[in-house]
Amino acid sequence: MDLYLLWVAFLLGIIEGATEFLPVSSTGHLIIAADFLNFSDKSSEVFEIFIQLGAILAVITEYRKRLISTICDIPHKSEAQKFFIAIGIAFIPAAPVSYTHLRAHET
């Protein structure tokens, strides 16, 4: 394996981990850092997705008990119902934009 790619992966992993829980865009930082490191081809896009998947899985793992409890409380507690309604509403604008973006990249 290319030593430069390992170094880039290490640096981008540090950037993702350091900025994930800050109120700033970790994705934006990854994109800027990847451009700075001349790592901006198709493989870099896939890498950015997978490194964020790791961060998402870490959050899910950390909060799994709370997430499971909230899911189980949906039929019984209005707080849980409001939470999932809010997530659904937040998802609405992202869905068509993501779909359009994916369709544009198919060609």
PDB file of N, CA and C in Angstrom:
ATOM      1  N   MET A   1       0.845  -1.178   0.000  1.00  0.00           N
ATOM      2  CA  MET A   1       0.000   0.000   0.000  1.00  0.00           C
ATOM      3  C   MET A   1       0.887   1.236   0.000  1.00  0.00           C
ATOM      4  N   ASP A   2       0.384   2.262  -0.626  1.00  0.00           N
ATOM      5  CA  ASP A   2       1.111   3.516  -0.738  1.00  0.00           C
ATOM      6  C   ASP A   2       1.194   4.206   0.629  1.00  0.00           C
ATOM      7  N   LEU A   3       2.398   4.539   1.047  1.00  0.00           N
ATOM      8  CA  LEU A   3       2.617   5.177   2.345  1.00  0.00           C
ATOM      9  C   LEU A   3       1.932   6.542   2.414  1.00  0.00           C
ATOM     10  N   TYR A   4       1.904   7.260   1.287  1.00  0.00           N
ATOM     11  CA  TYR A   4       1.240   8.570   1.260  1.00  0.00           C
ATOM     12  C   TYR A   4      -0.253   8.426   1.558  1.00  0.00           C
ATOM     13  N   LEU A   5      -0.901   7.406   0.995  1.00  0.00           N
ATOM     14  CA  LEU A   5      -2.327   7.201   1.254  1.00  0.00           C
ATOM     15  C   LEU A   5      -2.593   6.874   2.719  1.00  0.00           C
ATOM     16  N   LEU A   6      -1.713   6.107   3.331  1.00  0.00           N
ATOM     17  CA  LEU A   6      -1.852   5.833   4.764  1.00  0.00           C
ATOM     18  C   LEU A   6      -1.724   7.115   5.590  1.00  0.00           C
ATOM     19  N   TRP A   7      -0.788   7.970   5.207  1.00  0.00           N
ATOM     20  CA  TRP A   7      -0.595   9.239   5.895  1.00  0.00           C
ATOM     21  C   TRP A   7      -1.833  10.122   5.736  1.00  0.00           C
ATOM     22  N   VAL A   8      -2.377  10.204   4.519  1.00  0.00           N
ATOM     23  CA  VAL A   8      -3.586  11.000   4.266  1.00  0.00           C
ATOM     24  C   VAL A   8      -4.755  10.448   5.077  1.00  0.00           C
ATOM     25  N   ALA A   9      -4.922   9.122   5.089  1.00  0.00           N
ATOM     26  CA  ALA A   9      -6.004   8.509   5.860  1.00  0.00           C
ATOM     27  C   ALA A   9      -5.860   8.826   7.343  1.00  0.00           C
ATOM     28  N   PHE A  10      -4.650   8.777   7.841  1.00  0.00           N
ATOM     29  CA  PHE A  10      -4.398   9.099   9.240  1.00  0.00           C
ATOM     30  C   PHE A  10      -4.776  10.551   9.549  1.00  0.00           C
ATOM     31  N   LEU A  11      -4.319  11.468   8.717  1.00  0.00           N
ATOM     32  CA  LEU A  11      -4.613  12.887   8.935  1.00  0.00           C
ATOM     33  C   LEU A  11      -6.112  13.183   8.837  1.00  0.00           C
ATOM     34  N   LEU A  12      -6.762  12.621   7.831  1.00  0.00           N
ATOM     35  CA  LEU A  12      -8.199  12.855   7.682  1.00  0.00           C
ATOM     36  C   LEU A  12      -8.985  12.227   8.834  1.00  0.00           C
ATOM     37  N   GLY A  13      -8.516  11.102   9.340  1.00  0.00           N
ATOM     38  CA  GLY A  13      -9.157  10.489  10.505  1.00  0.00           C
ATOM     39  C   GLY A  13      -9.038  11.365  11.739  1.00  0.00           C
ATOM     40  N   ILE A  14      -7.878  11.978  11.921  1.00  0.00           N
ATOM     41  CA  ILE A  14      -7.684  12.902  13.045  1.00  0.00           C
ATOM     42  C   ILE A  14      -8.608  14.110  12.896  1.00  0.00           C
ATOM     43  N   ILE A  15      -8.688  14.652  11.687  1.00  0.00           N
ATOM     44  CA  ILE A  15      -9.548  15.821  11.441  1.00  0.00           C
ATOM     45  C   ILE A  15     -11.007  15.464  11.684  1.00  0.00           C
ATOM     46  N   GLU A  16     -11.446  14.327  11.186  1.00  0.00           N
ATOM     47  CA  GLU A  16     -12.840  13.899  11.389  1.00  0.00           C
ATOM     48  C   GLU A  16     -13.139  13.716  12.872  1.00  0.00           C
ATOM     49  N   GLY A  17     -12.260  13.052  13.574  1.00  0.00           N
ATOM     50  CA  GLY A  17     -12.477  12.822  14.994  1.00  0.00           C
ATOM     51  C   GLY A  17     -12.465  14.097  15.811  1.00  0.00           C
ATOM     52  N   ALA A  18     -11.607  15.038  15.443  1.00  0.00           N
ATOM     53  CA  ALA A  18     -11.497  16.283  16.199  1.00  0.00           C
ATOM     54  C   ALA A  18     -12.667  17.225  15.942  1.00  0.00           C
ATOM     55  N   THR A  19     -13.259  17.151  14.756  1.00  0.00           N
ATOM     56  CA  THR A  19     -14.317  18.111  14.409  1.00  0.00           C
ATOM     57  C   THR A  19     -15.722  17.525  14.463  1.00  0.00           C
ATOM     58  N   GLU A  20     -15.870  16.230  14.683  1.00  0.00           N
ATOM     59  CA  GLU A  20     -17.195  15.606  14.645  1.00  0.00           C
ATOM     60  C   GLU A  20     -18.134  16.161  15.708  1.00  0.00           C
ATOM     61  N   PHE A  21     -17.633  16.390  16.890  1.00  0.00           N
ATOM     62  CA  PHE A  21     -18.510  16.817  17.975  1.00  0.00           C
ATOM     63  C   PHE A  21     -18.488  18.327  18.203  1.00  0.00           C
ATOM     64  N   LEU A  22     -17.809  19.043  17.334  1.00  0.00           N
ATOM     65  CA  LEU A  22     -17.814  20.505  17.405  1.00  0.00           C
ATOM     66  C   LEU A  22     -18.965  21.044  16.561  1.00  0.00           C
ATOM     67  N   PRO A  23     -19.457  22.227  16.886  1.00  0.00           N
ATOM     68  CA  PRO A  23     -20.557  22.786  16.090  1.00  0.00           C
ATOM     69  C   PRO A  23     -20.064  23.414  14.786  1.00  0.00           C
ATOM     70  N   VAL A  24     -19.220  22.675  14.092  1.00  0.00           N
ATOM     71  CA  VAL A  24     -18.723  23.079  12.772  1.00  0.00           C
ATOM     72  C   VAL A  24     -18.851  21.869  11.856  1.00  0.00           C
ATOM     73  N   SER A  25     -18.705  22.089  10.580  1.00  0.00           N
ATOM     74  CA  SER A  25     -18.880  21.006   9.617  1.00  0.00           C
ATOM     75  C   SER A  25     -17.630  20.137   9.531  1.00  0.00           C
ATOM     76  N   SER A  26     -17.732  18.916  10.015  1.00  0.00           N
ATOM     77  CA  SER A  26     -16.602  17.997   9.872  1.00  0.00           C
ATOM     78  C   SER A  26     -16.413  17.625   8.403  1.00  0.00           C
ATOM     79  N   THR A  27     -17.506  17.566   7.650  1.00  0.00           N
ATOM     80  CA  THR A  27     -17.410  17.268   6.213  1.00  0.00           C
ATOM     81  C   THR A  27     -16.654  18.371   5.496  1.00  0.00           C
ATOM     82  N   GLY A  28     -16.968  19.607   5.826  1.00  0.00           N
ATOM     83  CA  GLY A  28     -16.263  20.734   5.213  1.00  0.00           C
ATOM     84  C   GLY A  28     -14.777  20.681   5.493  1.00  0.00           C
ATOM     85  N   HIS A  29     -14.422  20.357   6.730  1.00  0.00           N
ATOM     86  CA  HIS A  29     -13.009  20.245   7.075  1.00  0.00           C
ATOM     87  C   HIS A  29     -12.340  19.111   6.309  1.00  0.00           C
ATOM     88  N   LEU A  30     -13.054  17.985   6.151  1.00  0.00           N
ATOM     89  CA  LEU A  30     -12.489  16.866   5.390  1.00  0.00           C
ATOM     90  C   LEU A  30     -12.240  17.251   3.937  1.00  0.00           C
ATOM     91  N   ILE A  31     -13.196  17.933   3.333  1.00  0.00           N
ATOM     92  CA  ILE A  31     -13.067  18.333   1.925  1.00  0.00           C
ATOM     93  C   ILE A  31     -11.895  19.297   1.751  1.00  0.00           C
ATOM     94  N   ILE A  32     -11.807  20.290   2.628  1.00  0.00           N
ATOM     95  CA  ILE A  32     -10.705  21.257   2.535  1.00  0.00           C
ATOM     96  C   ILE A  32      -9.356  20.568   2.745  1.00  0.00           C
ATOM     97  N   ALA A  33      -9.268  19.704   3.746  1.00  0.00           N
ATOM     98  CA  ALA A  33      -8.011  19.000   4.015  1.00  0.00           C
ATOM     99  C   ALA A  33      -7.640  18.076   2.861  1.00  0.00           C
ATOM    100  N   ALA A  34      -8.627  17.381   2.297  1.00  0.00           N
ATOM    101  CA  ALA A  34      -8.350  16.480   1.168  1.00  0.00           C
ATOM    102  C   ALA A  34      -7.837  17.267  -0.033  1.00  0.00           C
ATOM    103  N   ASP A  35      -8.436  18.423  -0.297  1.00  0.00           N
ATOM    104  CA  ASP A  35      -7.943  19.262  -1.390  1.00  0.00           C
ATOM    105  C   ASP A  35      -6.520  19.737  -1.119  1.00  0.00           C
ATOM    106  N   PHE A  36      -6.273  20.143   0.112  1.00  0.00           N
ATOM    107  CA  PHE A  36      -4.934  20.611   0.494  1.00  0.00           C
ATOM    108  C   PHE A  36      -3.895  19.508   0.324  1.00  0.00           C
ATOM    109  N   LEU A  37      -4.296  18.267   0.599  1.00  0.00           N
ATOM    110  CA  LEU A  37      -3.387  17.121   0.498  1.00  0.00           C
ATOM    111  C   LEU A  37      -3.386  16.482  -0.895  1.00  0.00           C
ATOM    112  N   ASN A  38      -4.041  17.126  -1.865  1.00  0.00           N
ATOM    113  CA  ASN A  38      -4.160  16.607  -3.242  1.00  0.00           C
ATOM    114  C   ASN A  38      -4.807  15.224  -3.271  1.00  0.00           C
ATOM    115  N   PHE A  39      -5.801  15.045  -2.438  1.00  0.00           N
ATOM    116  CA  PHE A  39      -6.555  13.794  -2.362  1.00  0.00           C
ATOM    117  C   PHE A  39      -8.003  14.121  -2.677  1.00  0.00           C
ATOM    118  N   SER A  40      -8.263  14.359  -3.967  1.00  0.00           N
ATOM    119  CA  SER A  40      -9.603  14.812  -4.349  1.00  0.00           C
ATOM    120  C   SER A  40     -10.063  14.178  -5.655  1.00  0.00           C
ATOM    121  N   ASP A  41      -9.978  12.863  -5.723  1.00  0.00           N
ATOM    122  CA  ASP A  41     -10.526  12.159  -6.883  1.00  0.00           C
ATOM    123  C   ASP A  41     -11.733  11.339  -6.424  1.00  0.00           C
ATOM    124  N   LYS A  42     -12.197  10.420  -7.243  1.00  0.00           N
ATOM    125  CA  LYS A  42     -13.372   9.611  -6.878  1.00  0.00           C
ATOM    126  C   LYS A  42     -13.121   8.777  -5.621  1.00  0.00           C
ATOM    127  N   SER A  43     -11.921   8.259  -5.476  1.00  0.00           N
ATOM    128  CA  SER A  43     -11.645   7.449  -4.286  1.00  0.00           C
ATOM    129  C   SER A  43     -11.693   8.291  -3.012  1.00  0.00           C
ATOM    130  N   SER A  44     -11.369   9.577  -3.122  1.00  0.00           N
ATOM    131  CA  SER A  44     -11.438  10.437  -1.935  1.00  0.00           C
ATOM    132  C   SER A  44     -12.880  10.638  -1.493  1.00  0.00           C
ATOM    133  N   GLU A  45     -13.811  10.706  -2.451  1.00  0.00           N
ATOM    134  CA  GLU A  45     -15.225  10.848  -2.111  1.00  0.00           C
ATOM    135  C   GLU A  45     -15.723   9.619  -1.355  1.00  0.00           C
ATOM    136  N   VAL A  46     -15.334   8.447  -1.821  1.00  0.00           N
ATOM    137  CA  VAL A  46     -15.720   7.206  -1.141  1.00  0.00           C
ATOM    138  C   VAL A  46     -15.096   7.160   0.247  1.00  0.00           C
ATOM    139  N   PHE A  47     -13.841   7.567   0.356  1.00  0.00           N
ATOM    140  CA  PHE A  47     -13.170   7.585   1.657  1.00  0.00           C
ATOM    141  C   PHE A  47     -13.890   8.513   2.624  1.00  0.00           C
ATOM    142  N   GLU A  48     -14.284   9.699   2.154  1.00  0.00           N
ATOM    143  CA  GLU A  48     -14.984  10.659   3.010  1.00  0.00           C
ATOM    144  C   GLU A  48     -16.307  10.080   3.517  1.00  0.00           C
ATOM    145  N   ILE A  49     -16.996   9.335   2.674  1.00  0.00           N
ATOM    146  CA  ILE A  49     -18.255   8.706   3.093  1.00  0.00           C
ATOM    147  C   ILE A  49     -17.979   7.653   4.170  1.00  0.00           C
ATOM    148  N   PHE A  50     -16.986   6.815   3.949  1.00  0.00           N
ATOM    149  CA  PHE A  50     -16.707   5.745   4.900  1.00  0.00           C
ATOM    150  C   PHE A  50     -16.151   6.267   6.220  1.00  0.00           C
ATOM    151  N   ILE A  51     -15.350   7.317   6.172  1.00  0.00           N
ATOM    152  CA  ILE A  51     -14.829   7.850   7.428  1.00  0.00           C
ATOM    153  C   ILE A  51     -15.960   8.474   8.237  1.00  0.00           C
ATOM    154  N   GLN A  52     -16.949   9.065   7.556  1.00  0.00           N
ATOM    155  CA  GLN A  52     -18.104   9.606   8.265  1.00  0.00           C
ATOM    156  C   GLN A  52     -18.999   8.482   8.775  1.00  0.00           C
ATOM    157  N   LEU A  53     -19.077   7.390   8.042  1.00  0.00           N
ATOM    158  CA  LEU A  53     -19.831   6.236   8.517  1.00  0.00           C
ATOM    159  C   LEU A  53     -19.246   5.744   9.840  1.00  0.00           C
ATOM    160  N   GLY A  54     -17.929   5.734   9.937  1.00  0.00           N
ATOM    161  CA  GLY A  54     -17.288   5.348  11.192  1.00  0.00           C
ATOM    162  C   GLY A  54     -17.671   6.274  12.333  1.00  0.00           C
ATOM    163  N   ALA A  55     -17.726   7.566  12.055  1.00  0.00           N
ATOM    164  CA  ALA A  55     -18.114   8.533  13.086  1.00  0.00           C
ATOM    165  C   ALA A  55     -19.575   8.333  13.491  1.00  0.00           C
ATOM    166  N   ILE A  56     -20.433   8.079  12.529  1.00  0.00           N
ATOM    167  CA  ILE A  56     -21.849   7.842  12.821  1.00  0.00           C
ATOM    168  C   ILE A  56     -22.010   6.578  13.666  1.00  0.00           C
ATOM    169  N   LEU A  57     -21.303   5.530  13.306  1.00  0.00           N
ATOM    170  CA  LEU A  57     -21.376   4.292  14.087  1.00  0.00           C
ATOM    171  C   LEU A  57     -20.846   4.485  15.503  1.00  0.00           C
ATOM    172  N   ALA A  58     -19.823   5.329  15.656  1.00  0.00           N
ATOM    173  CA  ALA A  58     -19.308   5.614  17.001  1.00  0.00           C
ATOM    174  C   ALA A  58     -20.360   6.327  17.841  1.00  0.00           C
ATOM    175  N   VAL A  59     -21.072   7.276  17.243  1.00  0.00           N
ATOM    176  CA  VAL A  59     -22.128   7.988  17.969  1.00  0.00           C
ATOM    177  C   VAL A  59     -23.260   7.033  18.328  1.00  0.00           C
ATOM    178  N   ILE A  60     -23.654   6.192  17.379  1.00  0.00           N
ATOM    179  CA  ILE A  60     -24.722   5.220  17.640  1.00  0.00           C
ATOM    180  C   ILE A  60     -24.306   4.260  18.753  1.00  0.00           C
ATOM    181  N   THR A  61     -23.067   3.821  18.723  1.00  0.00           N
ATOM    182  CA  THR A  61     -22.576   2.916  19.760  1.00  0.00           C
ATOM    183  C   THR A  61     -22.586   3.602  21.124  1.00  0.00           C
ATOM    184  N   GLU A  62     -22.139   4.838  21.161  1.00  0.00           N
ATOM    185  CA  GLU A  62     -22.082   5.581  22.424  1.00  0.00           C
ATOM    186  C   GLU A  62     -23.474   5.822  23.006  1.00  0.00           C
ATOM    187  N   TYR A  63     -24.440   6.114  22.140  1.00  0.00           N
ATOM    188  CA  TYR A  63     -25.793   6.454  22.594  1.00  0.00           C
ATOM    189  C   TYR A  63     -26.815   5.346  22.345  1.00  0.00           C
ATOM    190  N   ARG A  64     -26.371   4.122  22.157  1.00  0.00           N
ATOM    191  CA  ARG A  64     -27.274   3.037  21.779  1.00  0.00           C
ATOM    192  C   ARG A  64     -28.383   2.800  22.804  1.00  0.00           C
ATOM    193  N   LYS A  65     -28.050   2.830  24.075  1.00  0.00           N
ATOM    194  CA  LYS A  65     -29.079   2.592  25.103  1.00  0.00           C
ATOM    195  C   LYS A  65     -30.141   3.690  25.059  1.00  0.00           C
ATOM    196  N   ARG A  66     -29.693   4.917  24.906  1.00  0.00           N
ATOM    197  CA  ARG A  66     -30.645   6.034  24.839  1.00  0.00           C
ATOM    198  C   ARG A  66     -31.494   5.961  23.566  1.00  0.00           C
ATOM    199  N   LEU A  67     -30.873   5.601  22.441  1.00  0.00           N
ATOM    200  CA  LEU A  67     -31.623   5.463  21.184  1.00  0.00           C
ATOM    201  C   LEU A  67     -32.663   4.353  21.279  1.00  0.00           C
ATOM    202  N   ILE A  68     -32.263   3.215  21.806  1.00  0.00           N
ATOM    203  CA  ILE A  68     -33.196   2.083  21.940  1.00  0.00           C
ATOM    204  C   ILE A  68     -34.339   2.453  22.869  1.00  0.00           C
ATOM    205  N   SER A  69     -34.016   3.112  23.974  1.00  0.00           N
ATOM    206  CA  SER A  69     -35.045   3.542  24.912  1.00  0.00           C
ATOM    207  C   SER A  69     -36.024   4.510  24.251  1.00  0.00           C
ATOM    208  N   THR A  70     -35.501   5.448  23.483  1.00  0.00           N
ATOM    209  CA  THR A  70     -36.363   6.424  22.799  1.00  0.00           C
ATOM    210  C   THR A  70     -37.245   5.739  21.768  1.00  0.00           C
ATOM    211  N   ILE A  71     -36.696   4.797  21.022  1.00  0.00           N
ATOM    212  CA  ILE A  71     -37.485   4.059  20.023  1.00  0.00           C
ATOM    213  C   ILE A  71     -38.597   3.276  20.711  1.00  0.00           C
ATOM    214  N   CYS A  72     -38.272   2.630  21.810  1.00  0.00           N
ATOM    215  CA  CYS A  72     -39.285   1.857  22.537  1.00  0.00           C
ATOM    216  C   CYS A  72     -40.368   2.753  23.154  1.00  0.00           C
ATOM    217  N   ASP A  73     -40.026   4.008  23.427  1.00  0.00           N
ATOM    218  CA  ASP A  73     -40.972   4.936  24.042  1.00  0.00           C
ATOM    219  C   ASP A  73     -41.900   5.629  23.040  1.00  0.00           C
ATOM    220  N   ILE A  74     -41.693   5.428  21.753  1.00  0.00           N
ATOM    221  CA  ILE A  74     -42.522   6.115  20.742  1.00  0.00           C
ATOM    222  C   ILE A  74     -44.022   5.881  20.959  1.00  0.00           C
ATOM    223  N   PRO A  75     -44.466   4.653  21.207  1.00  0.00           N
ATOM    224  CA  PRO A  75     -45.915   4.479  21.380  1.00  0.00           C
ATOM    225  C   PRO A  75     -46.471   5.102  22.670  1.00  0.00           C
ATOM    226  N   HIS A  76     -45.599   5.393  23.637  1.00  0.00           N
ATOM    227  CA  HIS A  76     -46.081   5.770  24.961  1.00  0.00           C
ATOM    228  C   HIS A  76     -45.791   7.209  25.381  1.00  0.00           C
ATOM    229  N   LYS A  77     -44.697   7.801  24.876  1.00  0.00           N
ATOM    230  CA  LYS A  77     -44.281   9.120  25.362  1.00  0.00           C
ATOM    231  C   LYS A  77     -44.283  10.148  24.243  1.00  0.00           C
ATOM    232  N   SER A  78     -44.876  11.298  24.542  1.00  0.00           N
ATOM    233  CA  SER A  78     -44.961  12.347  23.524  1.00  0.00           C
ATOM    234  C   SER A  78     -43.585  12.931  23.197  1.00  0.00           C
ATOM    235  N   GLU A  79     -42.658  12.925  24.155  1.00  0.00           N
ATOM    236  CA  GLU A  79     -41.302  13.415  23.888  1.00  0.00           C
ATOM    237  C   GLU A  79     -40.643  12.597  22.779  1.00  0.00           C
ATOM    238  N   ALA A  80     -40.756  11.281  22.863  1.00  0.00           N
ATOM    239  CA  ALA A  80     -40.170  10.404  21.848  1.00  0.00           C
ATOM    240  C   ALA A  80     -40.862  10.593  20.506  1.00  0.00           C
ATOM    241  N   GLN A  81     -42.174  10.751  20.516  1.00  0.00           N
ATOM    242  CA  GLN A  81     -42.921  10.978  19.278  1.00  0.00           C
ATOM    243  C   GLN A  81     -42.494  12.282  18.615  1.00  0.00           C
ATOM    244  N   LYS A  82     -42.372  13.337  19.407  1.00  0.00           N
ATOM    245  CA  LYS A  82     -41.944  14.636  18.868  1.00  0.00           C
ATOM    246  C   LYS A  82     -40.521  14.559  18.307  1.00  0.00           C
ATOM    247  N   PHE A  83     -39.660  13.824  18.987  1.00  0.00           N
ATOM    248  CA  PHE A  83     -38.280  13.659  18.524  1.00  0.00           C
ATOM    249  C   PHE A  83     -38.235  13.024  17.131  1.00  0.00           C
ATOM    250  N   PHE A  84     -38.980  11.939  16.949  1.00  0.00           N
ATOM    251  CA  PHE A  84     -38.940  11.260  15.655  1.00  0.00           C
ATOM    252  C   PHE A  84     -39.693  12.021  14.576  1.00  0.00           C
ATOM    253  N   ILE A  85     -40.696  12.777  14.945  1.00  0.00           N
ATOM    254  CA  ILE A  85     -41.350  13.662  13.968  1.00  0.00           C
ATOM    255  C   ILE A  85     -40.362  14.729  13.516  1.00  0.00           C
ATOM    256  N   ALA A  86     -39.607  15.286  14.453  1.00  0.00           N
ATOM    257  CA  ALA A  86     -38.603  16.304  14.111  1.00  0.00           C
ATOM    258  C   ALA A  86     -37.527  15.734  13.190  1.00  0.00           C
ATOM    259  N   ILE A  87     -37.096  14.500  13.444  1.00  0.00           N
ATOM    260  CA  ILE A  87     -36.111  13.864  12.571  1.00  0.00           C
ATOM    261  C   ILE A  87     -36.693  13.679  11.172  1.00  0.00           C
ATOM    262  N   GLY A  88     -37.949  13.252  11.103  1.00  0.00           N
ATOM    263  CA  GLY A  88     -38.603  13.091   9.801  1.00  0.00           C
ATOM    264  C   GLY A  88     -38.709  14.401   9.048  1.00  0.00           C
ATOM    265  N   ILE A  89     -39.069  15.469   9.742  1.00  0.00           N
ATOM    266  CA  ILE A  89     -39.170  16.777   9.101  1.00  0.00           C
ATOM    267  C   ILE A  89     -37.797  17.250   8.624  1.00  0.00           C
ATOM    268  N   ALA A  90     -36.773  17.017   9.422  1.00  0.00           N
ATOM    269  CA  ALA A  90     -35.418  17.402   9.035  1.00  0.00           C
ATOM    270  C   ALA A  90     -34.931  16.611   7.821  1.00  0.00           C
ATOM    271  N   PHE A  91     -35.429  15.401   7.672  1.00  0.00           N
ATOM    272  CA  PHE A  91     -35.031  14.546   6.550  1.00  0.00           C
ATOM    273  C   PHE A  91     -35.660  14.983   5.234  1.00  0.00           C
ATOM    274  N   ILE A  92     -36.838  15.600   5.289  1.00  0.00           N
ATOM    275  CA  ILE A  92     -37.593  15.938   4.075  1.00  0.00           C
ATOM    276  C   ILE A  92     -36.780  16.765   3.073  1.00  0.00           C
ATOM    277  N   PRO A  93     -36.130  17.863   3.473  1.00  0.00           N
ATOM    278  CA  PRO A  93     -35.380  18.615   2.463  1.00  0.00           C
ATOM    279  C   PRO A  93     -34.132  17.884   1.965  1.00  0.00           C
ATOM    280  N   ALA A  94     -33.568  17.029   2.782  1.00  0.00           N
ATOM    281  CA  ALA A  94     -32.352  16.327   2.384  1.00  0.00           C
ATOM    282  C   ALA A  94     -32.626  15.231   1.364  1.00  0.00           C
ATOM    283  N   ALA A  95     -33.775  14.594   1.431  1.00  0.00           N
ATOM    284  CA  ALA A  95     -34.068  13.462   0.551  1.00  0.00           C
ATOM    285  C   ALA A  95     -34.066  13.846  -0.931  1.00  0.00           C
ATOM    286  N   PRO A  96     -34.826  14.855  -1.369  1.00  0.00           N
ATOM    287  CA  PRO A  96     -34.806  15.171  -2.802  1.00  0.00           C
ATOM    288  C   PRO A  96     -33.464  15.716  -3.274  1.00  0.00           C
ATOM    289  N   VAL A  97     -32.769  16.449  -2.407  1.00  0.00           N
ATOM    290  CA  VAL A  97     -31.455  16.969  -2.796  1.00  0.00           C
ATOM    291  C   VAL A  97     -30.486  15.809  -2.990  1.00  0.00           C
ATOM    292  N   SER A  98     -30.497  14.857  -2.076  1.00  0.00           N
ATOM    293  CA  SER A  98     -29.620  13.691  -2.194  1.00  0.00           C
ATOM    294  C   SER A  98     -29.962  12.866  -3.418  1.00  0.00           C
ATOM    295  N   TYR A  99     -31.241  12.674  -3.658  1.00  0.00           N
ATOM    296  CA  TYR A  99     -31.676  11.899  -4.822  1.00  0.00           C
ATOM    297  C   TYR A  99     -31.227  12.580  -6.107  1.00  0.00           C
ATOM    298  N   THR A 100     -31.405  13.879  -6.187  1.00  0.00           N
ATOM    299  CA  THR A 100     -30.997  14.625  -7.379  1.00  0.00           C
ATOM    300  C   THR A 100     -29.489  14.541  -7.569  1.00  0.00           C
ATOM    301  N   HIS A 101     -28.751  14.651  -6.483  1.00  0.00           N
ATOM    302  CA  HIS A 101     -27.290  14.560  -6.553  1.00  0.00           C
ATOM    303  C   HIS A 101     -26.846  13.182  -7.045  1.00  0.00           C
ATOM    304  N   LEU A 102     -27.476  12.135  -6.516  1.00  0.00           N
ATOM    305  CA  LEU A 102     -27.130  10.780  -6.937  1.00  0.00           C
ATOM    306  C   LEU A 102     -27.462  10.551  -8.410  1.00  0.00           C
ATOM    307  N   ARG A 103     -28.606  11.030  -8.832  1.00  0.00           N
ATOM    308  CA  ARG A 103     -29.021  10.860 -10.239  1.00  0.00           C
ATOM    309  C   ARG A 103     -28.053  11.590 -11.171  1.00  0.00           C
ATOM    310  N   ALA A 104     -27.561  12.748 -10.759  1.00  0.00           N
ATOM    311  CA  ALA A 104     -26.633  13.526 -11.585  1.00  0.00           C
ATOM    312  C   ALA A 104     -25.310  12.806 -11.733  1.00  0.00           C
ATOM    313  N   HIS A 105     -24.909  12.020 -10.749  1.00  0.00           N
ATOM    314  CA  HIS A 105     -23.635  11.329 -10.797  1.00  0.00           C
ATOM    315  C   HIS A 105     -23.721   9.964 -11.486  1.00  0.00           C
ATOM    316  N   GLU A 106     -24.910   9.517 -11.822  1.00  0.00           N
ATOM    317  CA  GLU A 106     -25.047   8.222 -12.502  1.00  0.00           C
ATOM    318  C   GLU A 106     -24.563   8.271 -13.931  1.00  0.00           C
ATOM    319  N   THR A 107     -24.630   9.425 -14.540  1.00  0.00           N
ATOM    320  CA  THR A 107     -24.243   9.531 -15.960  1.00  0.00           C
ATOM    321  C   THR A 107     -22.778   9.664 -16.149  1.00  0.00           C
TER     322      THR A 107
END
